[in-house]
PDB file of N, CA and C in Angstrom:
ATOM      1  N   MET A   1     144.864  83.697  72.105  1.00  0.00           N
ATOM      2  CA  MET A   1     144.044  83.350  73.259  1.00  0.00           C
ATOM      3  C   MET A   1     144.800  82.298  74.070  1.00  0.00           C
ATOM      4  N   ILE A   2     144.601  82.340  75.386  1.00  0.00           N
ATOM      5  CA  ILE A   2     145.226  81.346  76.250  1.00  0.00           C
ATOM      6  C   ILE A   2     144.174  80.663  77.107  1.00  0.00           C
ATOM      7  N   ARG A   3     144.594  79.544  77.681  1.00  0.00           N
ATOM      8  CA  ARG A   3     143.759  78.779  78.612  1.00  0.00           C
ATOM      9  C   ARG A   3     144.603  78.538  79.855  1.00  0.00           C
ATOM     10  N   ILE A   4     144.029  78.817  81.013  1.00  0.00           N
ATOM     11  CA  ILE A   4     144.714  78.624  82.302  1.00  0.00           C
ATOM     12  C   ILE A   4     143.908  77.649  83.145  1.00  0.00           C
ATOM     13  N   PHE A   5     144.613  76.746  83.801  1.00  0.00           N
ATOM     14  CA  PHE A   5     144.000  75.815  84.752  1.00  0.00           C
ATOM     15  C   PHE A   5     144.666  76.053  86.094  1.00  0.00           C
ATOM     16  N   TYR A   6     143.859  76.336  87.124  1.00  0.00           N
ATOM     17  CA  TYR A   6     144.418  76.501  88.468  1.00  0.00           C
ATOM     18  C   TYR A   6     143.578  75.740  89.483  1.00  0.00           C
ATOM     19  N   VAL A   7     144.195  75.490  90.629  1.00  0.00           N
ATOM     20  CA  VAL A   7     143.515  74.894  91.775  1.00  0.00           C
ATOM     21  C   VAL A   7     143.812  75.751  92.997  1.00  0.00           C
ATOM     22  N   SER A   8     142.936  75.648  94.003  1.00  0.00           N
ATOM     23  CA  SER A   8     143.140  76.368  95.253  1.00  0.00           C
ATOM     24  C   SER A   8     142.396  75.644  96.366  1.00  0.00           C
ATOM     25  N   THR A   9     142.654  76.056  97.587  1.00  0.00           N
ATOM     26  CA  THR A   9     141.985  75.486  98.754  1.00  0.00           C
ATOM     27  C   THR A   9     140.939  76.471  99.241  1.00  0.00           C
ATOM     28  N   ALA A  10     139.702  76.015  99.300  1.00  0.00           N
ATOM     29  CA  ALA A  10     138.593  76.870  99.733  1.00  0.00           C
ATOM     30  C   ALA A  10     138.654  77.113 101.235  1.00  0.00           C
ATOM     31  N   MET A  11     138.131  78.247 101.636  1.00  0.00           N
ATOM     32  CA  MET A  11     137.988  78.508 103.061  1.00  0.00           C
ATOM     33  C   MET A  11     136.949  77.523 103.609  1.00  0.00           C
ATOM     34  N   PRO A  12     137.116  77.084 104.835  1.00  0.00           N
ATOM     35  CA  PRO A  12     136.168  76.115 105.405  1.00  0.00           C
ATOM     36  C   PRO A  12     134.740  76.657 105.448  1.00  0.00           C
ATOM     37  N   ASN A  13     133.797  75.755 105.313  1.00  0.00           N
ATOM     38  CA  ASN A  13     132.376  76.050 105.503  1.00  0.00           C
ATOM     39  C   ASN A  13     131.747  76.967 104.456  1.00  0.00           C
ATOM     40  N   LEU A  14     132.283  76.975 103.238  1.00  0.00           N
ATOM     41  CA  LEU A  14     131.594  77.714 102.179  1.00  0.00           C
ATOM     42  C   LEU A  14     130.259  77.034 101.912  1.00  0.00           C
ATOM     43  N   THR A  15     129.221  77.829 101.754  1.00  0.00           N
ATOM     44  CA  THR A  15     127.893  77.269 101.519  1.00  0.00           C
ATOM     45  C   THR A  15     127.624  77.154 100.024  1.00  0.00           C
ATOM     46  N   GLU A  16     126.619  76.368  99.679  1.00  0.00           N
ATOM     47  CA  GLU A  16     126.214  76.238  98.277  1.00  0.00           C
ATOM     48  C   GLU A  16     125.737  77.588  97.750  1.00  0.00           C
ATOM     49  N   THR A  17     125.118  78.376  98.600  1.00  0.00           N
ATOM     50  CA  THR A  17     124.675  79.718  98.207  1.00  0.00           C
ATOM     51  C   THR A  17     125.878  80.583  97.825  1.00  0.00           C
ATOM     52  N   GLU A  18     126.958  80.490  98.585  1.00  0.00           N
ATOM     53  CA  GLU A  18     128.161  81.263  98.274  1.00  0.00           C
ATOM     54  C   GLU A  18     128.788  80.800  96.961  1.00  0.00           C
ATOM     55  N   ILE A  19     128.789  79.504  96.714  1.00  0.00           N
ATOM     56  CA  ILE A  19     129.329  78.970  95.459  1.00  0.00           C
ATOM     57  C   ILE A  19     128.483  79.467  94.288  1.00  0.00           C
ATOM     58  N   THR A  20     127.172  79.426  94.443  1.00  0.00           N
ATOM     59  CA  THR A  20     126.261  79.919  93.403  1.00  0.00           C
ATOM     60  C   THR A  20     126.523  81.392  93.121  1.00  0.00           C
ATOM     61  N   GLN A  21     126.776  82.177  94.158  1.00  0.00           N
ATOM     62  CA  GLN A  21     127.066  83.606  93.984  1.00  0.00           C
ATOM     63  C   GLN A  21     128.399  83.821  93.274  1.00  0.00           C
ATOM     64  N   ILE A  22     129.390  83.023  93.597  1.00  0.00           N
ATOM     65  CA  ILE A  22     130.689  83.120  92.916  1.00  0.00           C
ATOM     66  C   ILE A  22     130.500  82.893  91.418  1.00  0.00           C
ATOM     67  N   VAL A  23     129.748  81.866  91.070  1.00  0.00           N
ATOM     68  CA  VAL A  23     129.512  81.540  89.658  1.00  0.00           C
ATOM     69  C   VAL A  23     128.741  82.663  88.971  1.00  0.00           C
ATOM     70  N   ALA A  24     127.715  83.189  89.629  1.00  0.00           N
ATOM     71  CA  ALA A  24     126.904  84.262  89.043  1.00  0.00           C
ATOM     72  C   ALA A  24     127.739  85.518  88.792  1.00  0.00           C
ATOM     73  N   THR A  25     128.555  85.888  89.762  1.00  0.00           N
ATOM     74  CA  THR A  25     129.415  87.062  89.613  1.00  0.00           C
ATOM     75  C   THR A  25     130.426  86.843  88.496  1.00  0.00           C
ATOM     76  N   ALA A  26     131.000  85.639  88.426  1.00  0.00           N
ATOM     77  CA  ALA A  26     131.966  85.324  87.375  1.00  0.00           C
ATOM     78  C   ALA A  26     131.327  85.421  85.997  1.00  0.00           C
ATOM     79  N   LYS A  27     130.109  84.934  85.860  1.00  0.00           N
ATOM     80  CA  LYS A  27     129.409  85.007  84.565  1.00  0.00           C
ATOM     81  C   LYS A  27     129.293  86.450  84.099  1.00  0.00           C
ATOM     82  N   GLN A  28     128.889  87.337  84.998  1.00  0.00           N
ATOM     83  CA  GLN A  28     128.725  88.750  84.640  1.00  0.00           C
ATOM     84  C   GLN A  28     130.058  89.383  84.258  1.00  0.00           C
ATOM     85  N   HIS A  29     131.058  89.179  85.080  1.00  0.00           N
ATOM     86  CA  HIS A  29     132.374  89.772  84.822  1.00  0.00           C
ATOM     87  C   HIS A  29     132.977  89.214  83.535  1.00  0.00           C
ATOM     88  N   ASN A  30     132.954  87.901  83.392  1.00  0.00           N
ATOM     89  CA  ASN A  30     133.600  87.260  82.249  1.00  0.00           C
ATOM     90  C   ASN A  30     132.948  87.634  80.925  1.00  0.00           C
ATOM     91  N   ALA A  31     131.642  87.850  80.935  1.00  0.00           N
ATOM     92  CA  ALA A  31     130.943  88.235  79.709  1.00  0.00           C
ATOM     93  C   ALA A  31     131.472  89.567  79.177  1.00  0.00           C
ATOM     94  N   LYS A  32     131.820  90.472  80.071  1.00  0.00           N
ATOM     95  CA  LYS A  32     132.334  91.789  79.665  1.00  0.00           C
ATOM     96  C   LYS A  32     133.673  91.680  78.939  1.00  0.00           C
ATOM     97  N   PHE A  33     134.453  90.643  79.257  1.00  0.00           N
ATOM     98  CA  PHE A  33     135.809  90.531  78.725  1.00  0.00           C
ATOM     99  C   PHE A  33     135.998  89.314  77.818  1.00  0.00           C
ATOM    100  N   GLU A  34     134.884  88.720  77.386  1.00  0.00           N
ATOM    101  CA  GLU A  34     134.902  87.562  76.498  1.00  0.00           C
ATOM    102  C   GLU A  34     135.753  86.416  77.062  1.00  0.00           C
ATOM    103  N   ILE A  35     135.592  86.183  78.359  1.00  0.00           N
ATOM    104  CA  ILE A  35     136.272  85.087  79.050  1.00  0.00           C
ATOM    105  C   ILE A  35     135.277  83.943  79.191  1.00  0.00           C
ATOM    106  N   THR A  36     135.723  82.740  78.894  1.00  0.00           N
ATOM    107  CA  THR A  36     134.910  81.551  79.102  1.00  0.00           C
ATOM    108  C   THR A  36     135.652  80.617  80.046  1.00  0.00           C
ATOM    109  N   GLY A  37     134.910  79.630  80.581  1.00  0.00           N
ATOM    110  CA  GLY A  37     135.561  78.680  81.462  1.00  0.00           C
ATOM    111  C   GLY A  37     134.587  77.908  82.312  1.00  0.00           C
ATOM    112  N   ALA A  38     135.156  77.217  83.290  1.00  0.00           N
ATOM    113  CA  ALA A  38     134.362  76.385  84.184  1.00  0.00           C
ATOM    114  C   ALA A  38     135.007  76.367  85.563  1.00  0.00           C
ATOM    115  N   LEU A  39     134.147  76.256  86.580  1.00  0.00           N
ATOM    116  CA  LEU A  39     134.588  76.202  87.974  1.00  0.00           C
ATOM    117  C   LEU A  39     134.028  74.952  88.617  1.00  0.00           C
ATOM    118  N   ALA A  40     134.892  74.214  89.294  1.00  0.00           N
ATOM    119  CA  ALA A  40     134.472  73.033  90.049  1.00  0.00           C
ATOM    120  C   ALA A  40     134.870  73.235  91.510  1.00  0.00           C
ATOM    121  N   TYR A  41     134.043  72.701  92.387  1.00  0.00           N
ATOM    122  CA  TYR A  41     134.293  72.778  93.830  1.00  0.00           C
ATOM    123  C   TYR A  41     133.912  71.437  94.422  1.00  0.00           C
ATOM    124  N   ASN A  42     134.852  70.793  95.110  1.00  0.00           N
ATOM    125  CA  ASN A  42     134.594  69.455  95.649  1.00  0.00           C
ATOM    126  C   ASN A  42     134.369  69.449  97.161  1.00  0.00           C
ATOM    127  N   GLY A  43     134.133  70.620  97.726  1.00  0.00           N
ATOM    128  CA  GLY A  43     133.923  70.720  99.164  1.00  0.00           C
ATOM    129  C   GLY A  43     135.173  71.133  99.910  1.00  0.00           C
ATOM    130  N   VAL A  44     136.321  71.017  99.271  1.00  0.00           N
ATOM    131  CA  VAL A  44     137.599  71.401  99.874  1.00  0.00           C
ATOM    132  C   VAL A  44     138.391  72.303  98.928  1.00  0.00           C
ATOM    133  N   ASN A  45     138.415  71.936  97.656  1.00  0.00           N
ATOM    134  CA  ASN A  45     139.226  72.646  96.668  1.00  0.00           C
ATOM    135  C   ASN A  45     138.384  73.207  95.533  1.00  0.00           C
ATOM    136  N   PHE A  46     138.885  74.295  94.979  1.00  0.00           N
ATOM    137  CA  PHE A  46     138.376  74.820  93.721  1.00  0.00           C
ATOM    138  C   PHE A  46     139.330  74.377  92.627  1.00  0.00           C
ATOM    139  N   ALA A  47     138.799  74.149  91.453  1.00  0.00           N
ATOM    140  CA  ALA A  47     139.581  73.964  90.242  1.00  0.00           C
ATOM    141  C   ALA A  47     138.867  74.752  89.164  1.00  0.00           C
ATOM    142  N   GLN A  48     139.632  75.460  88.358  1.00  0.00           N
ATOM    143  CA  GLN A  48     139.000  76.306  87.357  1.00  0.00           C
ATOM    144  C   GLN A  48     139.850  76.361  86.103  1.00  0.00           C
ATOM    145  N   VAL A  49     139.163  76.381  84.963  1.00  0.00           N
ATOM    146  CA  VAL A  49     139.790  76.641  83.674  1.00  0.00           C
ATOM    147  C   VAL A  49     139.210  77.950  83.170  1.00  0.00           C
ATOM    148  N   LEU A  50     140.087  78.828  82.709  1.00  0.00           N
ATOM    149  CA  LEU A  50     139.701  80.117  82.154  1.00  0.00           C
ATOM    150  C   LEU A  50     140.292  80.250  80.763  1.00  0.00           C
ATOM    151  N   GLU A  51     139.527  80.837  79.841  1.00  0.00           N
ATOM    152  CA  GLU A  51     139.975  81.014  78.458  1.00  0.00           C
ATOM    153  C   GLU A  51     139.704  82.447  78.027  1.00  0.00           C
ATOM    154  N   GLY A  52     140.656  83.046  77.333  1.00  0.00           N
ATOM    155  CA  GLY A  52     140.456  84.395  76.822  1.00  0.00           C
ATOM    156  C   GLY A  52     141.765  85.058  76.475  1.00  0.00           C
ATOM    157  N   ASP A  53     141.687  86.369  76.220  1.00  0.00           N
ATOM    158  CA  ASP A  53     142.889  87.137  75.917  1.00  0.00           C
ATOM    159  C   ASP A  53     143.797  87.171  77.141  1.00  0.00           C
ATOM    160  N   GLU A  54     145.077  87.049  76.903  1.00  0.00           N
ATOM    161  CA  GLU A  54     146.040  86.969  77.999  1.00  0.00           C
ATOM    162  C   GLU A  54     145.957  88.165  78.942  1.00  0.00           C
ATOM    163  N   ILE A  55     145.828  89.360  78.411  1.00  0.00           N
ATOM    164  CA  ILE A  55     145.791  90.545  79.281  1.00  0.00           C
ATOM    165  C   ILE A  55     144.604  90.494  80.247  1.00  0.00           C
ATOM    166  N   HIS A  56     143.449  90.039  79.772  1.00  0.00           N
ATOM    167  CA  HIS A  56     142.278  89.947  80.642  1.00  0.00           C
ATOM    168  C   HIS A  56     142.431  88.825  81.661  1.00  0.00           C
ATOM    169  N   LEU A  57     143.030  87.717  81.246  1.00  0.00           N
ATOM    170  CA  LEU A  57     143.215  86.604  82.189  1.00  0.00           C
ATOM    171  C   LEU A  57     144.257  86.941  83.247  1.00  0.00           C
ATOM    172  N   GLU A  58     145.278  87.699  82.890  1.00  0.00           N
ATOM    173  CA  GLU A  58     146.272  88.117  83.893  1.00  0.00           C
ATOM    174  C   GLU A  58     145.605  88.975  84.969  1.00  0.00           C
ATOM    175  N   GLN A  59     144.753  89.908  84.546  1.00  0.00           N
ATOM    176  CA  GLN A  59     144.039  90.756  85.508  1.00  0.00           C
ATOM    177  C   GLN A  59     143.105  89.916  86.371  1.00  0.00           C
ATOM    178  N   LEU A  60     142.392  88.985  85.736  1.00  0.00           N
ATOM    179  CA  LEU A  60     141.476  88.119  86.480  1.00  0.00           C
ATOM    180  C   LEU A  60     142.233  87.242  87.471  1.00  0.00           C
ATOM    181  N   MET A  61     143.365  86.700  87.073  1.00  0.00           N
ATOM    182  CA  MET A  61     144.148  85.859  87.990  1.00  0.00           C
ATOM    183  C   MET A  61     144.634  86.666  89.191  1.00  0.00           C
ATOM    184  N   ASP A  62     144.982  87.927  88.984  1.00  0.00           N
ATOM    185  CA  ASP A  62     145.358  88.782  90.121  1.00  0.00           C
ATOM    186  C   ASP A  62     144.179  88.918  91.090  1.00  0.00           C
ATOM    187  N   ASN A  63     142.979  89.128  90.544  1.00  0.00           N
ATOM    188  CA  ASN A  63     141.782  89.221  91.397  1.00  0.00           C
ATOM    189  C   ASN A  63     141.526  87.913  92.132  1.00  0.00           C
ATOM    190  N   ILE A  64     141.664  86.819  91.422  1.00  0.00           N
ATOM    191  CA  ILE A  64     141.433  85.495  92.017  1.00  0.00           C
ATOM    192  C   ILE A  64     142.411  85.242  93.156  1.00  0.00           C
ATOM    193  N   LYS A  65     143.669  85.565  92.947  1.00  0.00           N
ATOM    194  CA  LYS A  65     144.683  85.343  93.985  1.00  0.00           C
ATOM    195  C   LYS A  65     144.426  86.174  95.238  1.00  0.00           C
ATOM    196  N   ASN A  66     143.734  87.302  95.084  1.00  0.00           N
ATOM    197  CA  ASN A  66     143.448  88.173  96.223  1.00  0.00           C
ATOM    198  C   ASN A  66     142.090  87.899  96.874  1.00  0.00           C
ATOM    199  N   ASP A  67     141.347  86.938  96.353  1.00  0.00           N
ATOM    200  CA  ASP A  67     140.023  86.600  96.888  1.00  0.00           C
ATOM    201  C   ASP A  67     140.193  85.805  98.182  1.00  0.00           C
ATOM    202  N   GLU A  68     139.601  86.297  99.264  1.00  0.00           N
ATOM    203  CA  GLU A  68     139.775  85.683 100.582  1.00  0.00           C
ATOM    204  C   GLU A  68     138.949  84.419 100.790  1.00  0.00           C
ATOM    205  N   ARG A  69     138.151  84.028  99.804  1.00  0.00           N
ATOM    206  CA  ARG A  69     137.344  82.813  99.950  1.00  0.00           C
ATOM    207  C   ARG A  69     138.147  81.547  99.666  1.00  0.00           C
ATOM    208  N   HIS A  70     139.410  81.735  99.303  1.00  0.00           N
ATOM    209  CA  HIS A  70     140.294  80.587  99.078  1.00  0.00           C
ATOM    210  C   HIS A  70     141.737  81.024  99.246  1.00  0.00           C
ATOM    211  N   SER A  71     142.633  80.050  99.279  1.00  0.00           N
ATOM    212  CA  SER A  71     144.057  80.343  99.427  1.00  0.00           C
ATOM    213  C   SER A  71     144.861  79.317  98.634  1.00  0.00           C
ATOM    214  N   GLY A  72     146.148  79.558  98.533  1.00  0.00           N
ATOM    215  CA  GLY A  72     147.036  78.599  97.890  1.00  0.00           C
ATOM    216  C   GLY A  72     146.754  78.393  96.416  1.00  0.00           C
ATOM    217  N   VAL A  73     146.514  79.482  95.692  1.00  0.00           N
ATOM    218  CA  VAL A  73     146.238  79.372  94.257  1.00  0.00           C
ATOM    219  C   VAL A  73     147.482  78.860  93.544  1.00  0.00           C
ATOM    220  N   ILE A  74     147.311  77.738  92.858  1.00  0.00           N
ATOM    221  CA  ILE A  74     148.415  77.140  92.096  1.00  0.00           C
ATOM    222  C   ILE A  74     148.002  77.048  90.634  1.00  0.00           C
ATOM    223  N   GLU A  75     148.757  77.719  89.770  1.00  0.00           N
ATOM    224  CA  GLU A  75     148.511  77.598  88.340  1.00  0.00           C
ATOM    225  C   GLU A  75     149.116  76.281  87.874  1.00  0.00           C
ATOM    226  N   VAL A  76     148.265  75.360  87.492  1.00  0.00           N
ATOM    227  CA  VAL A  76     148.692  74.020  87.105  1.00  0.00           C
ATOM    228  C   VAL A  76     149.203  74.002  85.669  1.00  0.00           C
ATOM    229  N   ALA A  77     148.509  74.717  84.784  1.00  0.00           N
ATOM    230  CA  ALA A  77     148.896  74.713  83.368  1.00  0.00           C
ATOM    231  C   ALA A  77     148.413  75.982  82.697  1.00  0.00           C
ATOM    232  N   ARG A  78     149.145  76.358  81.657  1.00  0.00           N
ATOM    233  CA  ARG A  78     148.796  77.500  80.813  1.00  0.00           C
ATOM    234  C   ARG A  78     149.191  77.114  79.400  1.00  0.00           C
ATOM    235  N   THR A  79     148.282  77.352  78.462  1.00  0.00           N
ATOM    236  CA  THR A  79     148.561  76.981  77.088  1.00  0.00           C
ATOM    237  C   THR A  79     147.907  77.959  76.128  1.00  0.00           C
ATOM    238  N   SER A  80     148.499  78.115  74.961  1.00  0.00           N
ATOM    239  CA  SER A  80     147.863  78.879  73.885  1.00  0.00           C
ATOM    240  C   SER A  80     146.847  77.981  73.214  1.00  0.00           C
ATOM    241  N   THR A  81     145.769  78.592  72.742  1.00  0.00           N
ATOM    242  CA  THR A  81     144.731  77.814  72.081  1.00  0.00           C
ATOM    243  C   THR A  81     144.026  78.660  71.040  1.00  0.00           C
ATOM    244  N   GLU A  82     143.547  78.019  70.016  1.00  0.00           N
ATOM    245  CA  GLU A  82     142.759  78.695  68.985  1.00  0.00           C
ATOM    246  C   GLU A  82     141.276  78.460  69.193  1.00  0.00           C
ATOM    247  N   LYS A  83     140.939  77.392  69.912  1.00  0.00           N
ATOM    248  CA  LYS A  83     139.546  76.991  70.079  1.00  0.00           C
ATOM    249  C   LYS A  83     139.210  76.900  71.568  1.00  0.00           C
ATOM    250  N   ARG A  84     138.043  77.389  71.921  1.00  0.00           N
ATOM    251  CA  ARG A  84     137.602  77.354  73.313  1.00  0.00           C
ATOM    252  C   ARG A  84     137.036  75.978  73.664  1.00  0.00           C
ATOM    253  N   ALA A  85     137.381  75.488  74.822  1.00  0.00           N
ATOM    254  CA  ALA A  85     136.804  74.235  75.324  1.00  0.00           C
ATOM    255  C   ALA A  85     135.436  74.497  75.955  1.00  0.00           C
ATOM    256  N   PHE A  86     135.197  75.740  76.398  1.00  0.00           N
ATOM    257  CA  PHE A  86     133.947  76.089  77.067  1.00  0.00           C
ATOM    258  C   PHE A  86     133.206  77.200  76.314  1.00  0.00           C
ATOM    259  N   GLU A  87     133.194  77.083  75.000  1.00  0.00           N
ATOM    260  CA  GLU A  87     132.482  78.041  74.145  1.00  0.00           C
ATOM    261  C   GLU A  87     131.044  78.212  74.647  1.00  0.00           C
ATOM    262  N   GLY A  88     130.634  79.468  74.794  1.00  0.00           N
ATOM    263  CA  GLY A  88     129.268  79.751  75.236  1.00  0.00           C
ATOM    264  C   GLY A  88     129.076  79.739  76.744  1.00  0.00           C
ATOM    265  N   TRP A  89     130.104  79.380  77.481  1.00  0.00           N
ATOM    266  CA  TRP A  89     130.013  79.334  78.951  1.00  0.00           C
ATOM    267  C   TRP A  89     130.896  80.438  79.534  1.00  0.00           C
ATOM    268  N   HIS A  90     130.282  81.524  79.976  1.00  0.00           N
ATOM    269  CA  HIS A  90     131.097  82.557  80.643  1.00  0.00           C
ATOM    270  C   HIS A  90     131.552  82.051  82.001  1.00  0.00           C
ATOM    271  N   MET A  91     130.823  81.097  82.557  1.00  0.00           N
ATOM    272  CA  MET A  91     131.297  80.339  83.709  1.00  0.00           C
ATOM    273  C   MET A  91     130.369  79.156  83.929  1.00  0.00           C
ATOM    274  N   LYS A  92     130.859  78.005  83.550  1.00  0.00           N
ATOM    275  CA  LYS A  92     130.124  76.763  83.772  1.00  0.00           C
ATOM    276  C   LYS A  92     130.405  76.289  85.196  1.00  0.00           C
ATOM    277  N   HIS A  93     129.361  75.861  85.886  1.00  0.00           N
ATOM    278  CA  HIS A  93     129.526  75.326  87.237  1.00  0.00           C
ATOM    279  C   HIS A  93     129.512  73.804  87.131  1.00  0.00           C
ATOM    280  N   ILE A  94     130.629  73.192  87.445  1.00  0.00           N
ATOM    281  CA  ILE A  94     130.735  71.737  87.407  1.00  0.00           C
ATOM    282  C   ILE A  94     130.506  71.221  88.817  1.00  0.00           C
ATOM    283  N   GLU A  95     129.477  70.431  88.972  1.00  0.00           N
ATOM    284  CA  GLU A  95     129.166  69.875  90.286  1.00  0.00           C
ATOM    285  C   GLU A  95     129.736  68.469  90.396  1.00  0.00           C
ATOM    286  N   GLY A  96     130.073  68.072  91.588  1.00  0.00           N
ATOM    287  CA  GLY A  96     130.628  66.742  91.812  1.00  0.00           C
ATOM    288  C   GLY A  96     132.038  66.830  92.356  1.00  0.00           C
ATOM    289  N   LEU A  97     132.576  65.673  92.651  1.00  0.00           N
ATOM    290  CA  LEU A  97     133.876  65.613  93.319  1.00  0.00           C
ATOM    291  C   LEU A  97     135.066  65.562  92.369  1.00  0.00           C
ATOM    292  N   LYS A  98     134.827  65.288  91.095  1.00  0.00           N
ATOM    293  CA  LYS A  98     135.929  65.095  90.159  1.00  0.00           C
ATOM    294  C   LYS A  98     136.159  66.336  89.303  1.00  0.00           C
ATOM    295  N   PHE A  99     137.416  66.535  88.944  1.00  0.00           N
ATOM    296  CA  PHE A  99     137.818  67.652  88.103  1.00  0.00           C
ATOM    297  C   PHE A  99     138.161  67.186  86.693  1.00  0.00           C
ATOM    298  N   ASP A 100     137.688  66.006  86.302  1.00  0.00           N
ATOM    299  CA  ASP A 100     138.047  65.399  85.017  1.00  0.00           C
ATOM    300  C   ASP A 100     137.756  66.302  83.819  1.00  0.00           C
ATOM    301  N   GLU A 101     136.604  66.962  83.823  1.00  0.00           N
ATOM    302  CA  GLU A 101     136.251  67.805  82.681  1.00  0.00           C
ATOM    303  C   GLU A 101     137.246  68.938  82.503  1.00  0.00           C
ATOM    304  N   LEU A 102     137.757  69.474  83.592  1.00  0.00           N
ATOM    305  CA  LEU A 102     138.737  70.551  83.525  1.00  0.00           C
ATOM    306  C   LEU A 102     140.081  70.027  83.015  1.00  0.00           C
ATOM    307  N   VAL A 103     140.482  68.894  83.508  1.00  0.00           N
ATOM    308  CA  VAL A 103     141.737  68.290  83.070  1.00  0.00           C
ATOM    309  C   VAL A 103     141.666  67.970  81.569  1.00  0.00           C
ATOM    310  N   HIS A 104     140.540  67.420  81.149  1.00  0.00           N
ATOM    311  CA  HIS A 104     140.353  67.114  79.733  1.00  0.00           C
ATOM    312  C   HIS A 104     140.408  68.371  78.867  1.00  0.00           C
ATOM    313  N   ALA A 105     139.845  69.468  79.351  1.00  0.00           N
ATOM    314  CA  ALA A 105     139.847  70.719  78.582  1.00  0.00           C
ATOM    315  C   ALA A 105     141.260  71.214  78.308  1.00  0.00           C
ATOM    316  N   MET A 106     142.184  70.927  79.195  1.00  0.00           N
ATOM    317  CA  MET A 106     143.560  71.383  78.993  1.00  0.00           C
ATOM    318  C   MET A 106     144.256  70.622  77.880  1.00  0.00           C
ATOM    319  N   SER A 107     143.741  69.480  77.509  1.00  0.00           N
ATOM    320  CA  SER A 107     144.358  68.708  76.435  1.00  0.00           C
ATOM    321  C   SER A 107     143.606  68.901  75.117  1.00  0.00           C
ATOM    322  N   ALA A 108     142.559  69.717  75.142  1.00  0.00           N
ATOM    323  CA  ALA A 108     141.762  69.942  73.926  1.00  0.00           C
ATOM    324  C   ALA A 108     142.487  70.852  72.949  1.00  0.00           C
TER     325      ALA A 108
END
């Protein structure tokens, strides 16, 4: 299993409703492929940690890179892991301006 941390720049004027929909769609998709993780949005940038089988995360990252709701996807870190940092969360929505929980998960 691997864990990926990426950041990107959101398109201007995304609404809270759109963010809620992104999280809801991610929960449904990720549950099918046993992917866990968390998404944070600070009003300008997205930051996300994803955990799961490498083949599924590679496909998901391709989809993420092609999503027009953001640009400039930068993979910050990728690591192998035996234990999930977001066990039970097919997509946790982290509210607030800080990405600390995501950064901490990469060192878990």
